[in-house]
Amino acid sequence: MPNLLTETIQLKAADGHHLGAYRATPLQPARRAMVVLQEAMGVNAHVQSVVRQYAAEGYLAIAPALFDRITPGVDVPYSDIERAIGLIRKMTDPQSLLDIEAAVKAVSHVGPVGLVGYCLGGTLAYLAAAHLPISAAASYYGGRICQYLQHQPQCPMIFHFGERDVYISPADIDQIKAAYPAGQYHLYSADHGFNCPDRPAYDEHSASLAFKRTLSFFNTYLP
């Protein structure tokens, strides 16, 4: 995308841990920021494209490498789900929140901060909305949100789910709605991972519609 500066930088979490992050800066001064939380595969080409997508909309956008505490610089192929699951099992919620917080702090100087997460990041977006100083959050097909319903988001949230998602049942979505009725909920005729062009489940129409709705949501809550 034109008129963007992209770079990989280093962040420092509050406990002293150093982690990488992919950042995209619009050449025109940004007045708001976006933290992008990775899928289960790492800060890969797709996640980096999402960072650039938000930067093209005028956000200072950044994606922290949440697997760096385990294996720095990891990029798991979509064909190796077992490896991704193994990495996720080694993560801890407190450490993940510290790393996300470091990303929030790294971009908060430009204005209000939003957060969007996919898959693993969709779950962490819910957790971050309950504990970190962000203005609004978006969750795409967060598969483990039901494990965190005792946490209450402290900012507005929008949720995107696929009707054919084998990892998230209609009953799961109903539980989330019951626990957090203030959220905005959207259901698509699509499968898990529908936003990612590198997945067989990619659905261009659903991805485009979800992005349009998410931009409108952030335009409301990140003035």
Protein backbone atom coordinates (compact mmCIF):
# COMPACT_ATOMS: atom_id res chain seq x y z
CA MET A 1 0.00 0.00 0.00
CA PRO A 2 1.35 3.46 -0.83
CA ASN A 3 2.20 6.24 1.59
CA LEU A 4 3.07 3.91 4.46
CA LEU A 5 6.26 3.36 6.43
CA THR A 6 6.54 -0.27 7.55
CA GLU A 7 9.12 -1.63 9.96
CA THR A 8 9.82 -4.27 12.56
CA ILE A 9 10.60 -2.75 15.94
CA GLN A 10 11.33 -3.94 19.48
CA LEU A 11 9.00 -3.38 22.42
CA LYS A 12 9.71 -3.79 26.12
CA ALA A 13 7.00 -5.17 28.39
CA ALA A 14 6.59 -4.04 31.99
CA ASP A 15 8.35 -7.19 33.26
CA GLY A 16 11.43 -6.48 31.13
CA HIS A 17 10.67 -8.91 28.30
CA HIS A 18 11.62 -7.71 24.82
CA LEU A 19 9.40 -8.64 21.89
CA GLY A 20 9.21 -7.80 18.24
CA ALA A 21 6.35 -5.90 16.62
CA TYR A 22 5.38 -5.06 13.06
CA ARG A 23 4.38 -1.40 12.68
CA ALA A 24 2.91 0.56 9.80
CA THR A 25 2.85 4.36 9.92
CA PRO A 26 0.86 6.53 7.51
CA LEU A 27 2.88 9.38 6.07
CA GLN A 28 0.09 11.78 6.96
CA PRO A 29 0.04 12.35 10.76
CA ALA A 30 -2.07 9.71 12.51
CA ARG A 31 -4.54 10.84 15.16
CA ARG A 32 -5.56 7.39 16.40
CA ALA A 33 -3.94 3.98 16.70
CA MET A 34 -4.73 0.31 16.18
CA VAL A 35 -3.20 -2.73 17.87
CA VAL A 36 -3.62 -5.89 15.77
CA LEU A 37 -3.54 -9.22 17.61
CA GLN A 38 -2.29 -12.22 15.69
CA GLU A 39 -3.93 -15.47 14.74
CA ALA A 40 -2.55 -18.72 16.12
CA MET A 41 0.17 -18.73 13.46
CA GLY A 42 2.15 -15.65 14.56
CA VAL A 43 2.71 -12.21 13.05
CA ASN A 44 2.68 -13.68 9.55
CA ALA A 45 2.06 -12.16 6.13
CA HIS A 46 -1.69 -11.99 6.70
CA VAL A 47 -1.41 -10.21 10.06
CA GLN A 48 1.10 -7.79 8.57
CA SER A 49 -1.34 -7.08 5.73
CA VAL A 50 -4.02 -6.24 8.30
CA VAL A 51 -1.61 -3.81 10.00
CA ARG A 52 -1.06 -2.11 6.63
CA GLN A 53 -4.81 -2.16 5.95
CA TYR A 54 -5.51 -0.11 9.08
CA ALA A 55 -2.55 2.18 8.46
CA ALA A 56 -3.99 2.90 5.02
CA GLU A 57 -7.10 4.13 6.85
CA GLY A 58 -4.99 6.62 8.80
CA TYR A 59 -4.16 4.58 11.92
CA LEU A 60 -0.74 4.14 13.45
CA ALA A 61 -0.99 0.34 13.47
CA ILE A 62 1.10 -2.29 15.25
CA ALA A 63 1.08 -6.06 15.79
CA PRO A 64 3.05 -7.37 18.78
CA ALA A 65 4.72 -10.78 18.37
CA LEU A 66 2.98 -12.65 21.17
CA PHE A 67 4.91 -15.88 20.57
CA ASP A 68 8.29 -14.20 21.15
CA ARG A 69 8.33 -15.31 24.78
CA ILE A 70 8.37 -18.90 23.50
CA THR A 71 10.04 -18.84 20.07
CA PRO A 72 11.11 -15.41 18.75
CA GLY A 73 10.18 -14.64 15.18
CA VAL A 74 8.02 -17.71 14.68
CA ASP A 75 5.77 -17.97 11.60
CA VAL A 76 3.75 -21.18 11.68
CA PRO A 77 2.38 -22.52 8.35
CA TYR A 78 -1.40 -22.89 8.21
CA SER A 79 -0.79 -26.58 7.51
CA ASP A 80 0.83 -27.08 10.94
CA ILE A 81 -2.04 -26.49 13.35
CA GLU A 82 -0.52 -28.83 15.96
CA ARG A 83 2.56 -26.62 16.28
CA ALA A 84 0.37 -23.56 16.71
CA ILE A 85 -1.64 -25.29 19.44
CA GLY A 86 1.60 -26.26 21.20
CA LEU A 87 2.74 -22.63 21.23
CA ILE A 88 -0.61 -21.39 22.54
CA ARG A 89 -0.46 -23.88 25.42
CA LYS A 90 2.84 -22.35 26.54
CA MET A 91 1.37 -18.83 26.69
CA THR A 92 0.06 -17.30 29.90
CA ASP A 93 -2.66 -14.67 30.08
CA PRO A 94 -0.73 -12.29 32.38
CA GLN A 95 2.31 -12.32 30.05
CA SER A 96 0.14 -11.86 26.96
CA LEU A 97 -1.53 -8.85 28.55
CA LEU A 98 1.87 -7.36 29.38
CA ASP A 99 2.96 -7.74 25.76
CA ILE A 100 -0.28 -6.26 24.42
CA GLU A 101 0.03 -3.41 26.93
CA ALA A 102 3.52 -2.67 25.58
CA ALA A 103 2.05 -2.34 22.09
CA VAL A 104 -0.75 -0.09 23.34
CA LYS A 105 1.76 2.19 25.04
CA ALA A 106 3.95 2.29 21.94
CA VAL A 107 1.19 3.88 19.85
CA SER A 108 -0.97 5.72 22.38
CA HIS A 109 0.88 9.03 21.91
CA VAL A 110 -1.04 9.72 18.68
CA GLY A 111 -4.53 9.51 20.19
CA PRO A 112 -7.17 6.94 21.20
CA VAL A 113 -6.21 3.29 20.72
CA GLY A 114 -8.38 0.57 19.23
CA LEU A 115 -7.63 -3.14 19.15
CA VAL A 116 -8.59 -5.87 16.69
CA GLY A 117 -7.82 -9.56 17.04
CA TYR A 118 -8.29 -12.70 14.96
CA CYS A 119 -8.66 -16.31 16.14
CA LEU A 120 -6.24 -16.46 19.13
CA GLY A 121 -6.17 -12.67 18.94
CA GLY A 122 -9.96 -12.56 18.91
CA THR A 123 -9.98 -14.17 22.34
CA LEU A 124 -7.19 -11.96 23.63
CA ALA A 125 -9.06 -8.90 22.35
CA TYR A 126 -11.86 -9.74 24.78
CA LEU A 127 -9.39 -10.16 27.65
CA ALA A 128 -7.54 -6.97 26.75
CA ALA A 129 -10.80 -5.01 26.61
CA ALA A 130 -11.39 -6.01 30.22
CA HIS A 131 -7.96 -5.04 31.53
CA LEU A 132 -6.12 -2.54 29.31
CA PRO A 133 -6.64 1.16 28.56
CA ILE A 134 -8.09 0.92 25.06
CA SER A 135 -11.05 2.84 23.64
CA ALA A 136 -12.72 0.07 21.62
CA ALA A 137 -12.05 -3.50 20.49
CA ALA A 138 -13.04 -5.87 17.69
CA SER A 139 -12.96 -9.66 17.93
CA TYR A 140 -12.97 -11.97 14.92
CA TYR A 141 -13.88 -15.61 15.69
CA GLY A 142 -12.27 -15.73 19.14
CA GLY A 143 -12.50 -19.43 19.95
CA ARG A 144 -11.91 -19.34 23.70
CA ILE A 145 -13.90 -16.29 24.78
CA CYS A 146 -16.29 -18.48 26.77
CA GLN A 147 -13.41 -19.28 29.13
CA TYR A 148 -13.17 -15.59 30.07
CA LEU A 149 -16.76 -14.53 30.56
CA GLN A 150 -16.07 -13.67 34.20
CA HIS A 151 -14.06 -10.74 32.81
CA GLN A 152 -16.15 -7.77 31.69
CA PRO A 153 -14.96 -5.55 28.83
CA GLN A 154 -14.51 -1.95 29.92
CA CYS A 155 -14.84 -0.51 26.41
CA PRO A 156 -17.23 -1.04 23.48
CA MET A 157 -16.71 -4.25 21.48
CA ILE A 158 -17.80 -5.64 18.13
CA PHE A 159 -17.76 -9.39 17.38
CA HIS A 160 -17.62 -11.30 14.08
CA PHE A 161 -18.46 -15.01 13.89
CA GLY A 162 -18.96 -17.53 11.08
CA GLU A 163 -22.09 -19.66 10.90
CA ARG A 164 -20.03 -22.68 9.77
CA ASP A 165 -17.27 -22.28 12.36
CA VAL A 166 -16.62 -25.76 13.81
CA TYR A 167 -14.64 -24.26 16.71
CA ILE A 168 -17.35 -21.85 17.93
CA SER A 169 -20.88 -23.20 18.35
CA PRO A 170 -24.11 -21.19 18.32
CA ALA A 171 -24.39 -22.00 22.03
CA ASP A 172 -20.97 -20.41 22.60
CA ILE A 173 -22.09 -17.23 20.85
CA ASP A 174 -25.27 -17.17 22.93
CA GLN A 175 -23.17 -17.44 26.12
CA ILE A 176 -21.03 -14.50 25.07
CA LYS A 177 -24.08 -12.41 24.22
CA ALA A 178 -25.65 -13.22 27.59
CA ALA A 179 -22.47 -12.31 29.47
CA TYR A 180 -21.86 -9.13 27.47
CA PRO A 181 -25.14 -7.88 25.99
CA ALA A 182 -23.66 -4.45 25.24
CA GLY A 183 -21.55 -5.89 22.43
CA GLN A 184 -22.29 -5.59 18.72
CA TYR A 185 -22.61 -9.07 17.16
CA HIS A 186 -22.46 -10.10 13.52
CA LEU A 187 -22.81 -13.58 12.02
CA TYR A 188 -21.59 -14.45 8.52
CA SER A 189 -22.23 -17.34 6.15
CA ALA A 190 -18.62 -18.42 6.49
CA ASP A 191 -16.17 -20.66 8.35
CA HIS A 192 -13.46 -20.02 10.95
CA GLY A 193 -10.74 -17.76 9.54
CA PHE A 194 -12.92 -16.22 6.86
CA ASN A 195 -10.92 -12.97 6.93
CA CYS A 196 -7.63 -14.57 5.86
CA PRO A 197 -6.91 -15.00 2.11
CA ASP A 198 -4.28 -17.63 2.94
CA ARG A 199 -6.86 -19.98 4.46
CA PRO A 200 -9.20 -22.27 2.49
CA ALA A 201 -12.02 -20.76 4.57
CA TYR A 202 -11.45 -17.27 3.15
CA ASP A 203 -14.69 -15.57 2.14
CA GLU A 204 -14.12 -12.29 0.35
CA HIS A 205 -17.65 -10.98 0.80
CA SER A 206 -17.72 -11.71 4.53
CA ALA A 207 -14.23 -10.27 5.04
CA SER A 208 -15.13 -7.08 3.18
CA LEU A 209 -18.41 -6.64 5.04
CA ALA A 210 -16.80 -7.30 8.43
CA PHE A 211 -14.05 -4.77 7.73
CA LYS A 212 -16.60 -2.17 6.66
CA ARG A 213 -18.59 -2.71 9.85
CA THR A 214 -15.45 -2.63 11.99
CA LEU A 215 -14.26 0.64 10.45
CA SER A 216 -17.66 2.18 11.11
CA PHE A 217 -17.52 0.93 14.70
CA PHE A 218 -14.07 2.41 15.29
CA ASN A 219 -15.06 5.66 13.63
CA THR A 220 -17.77 5.93 16.28
CA TYR A 221 -15.68 5.06 19.33
CA LEU A 222 -12.25 6.38 18.31
CA PRO A 223 -13.10 9.98 17.40
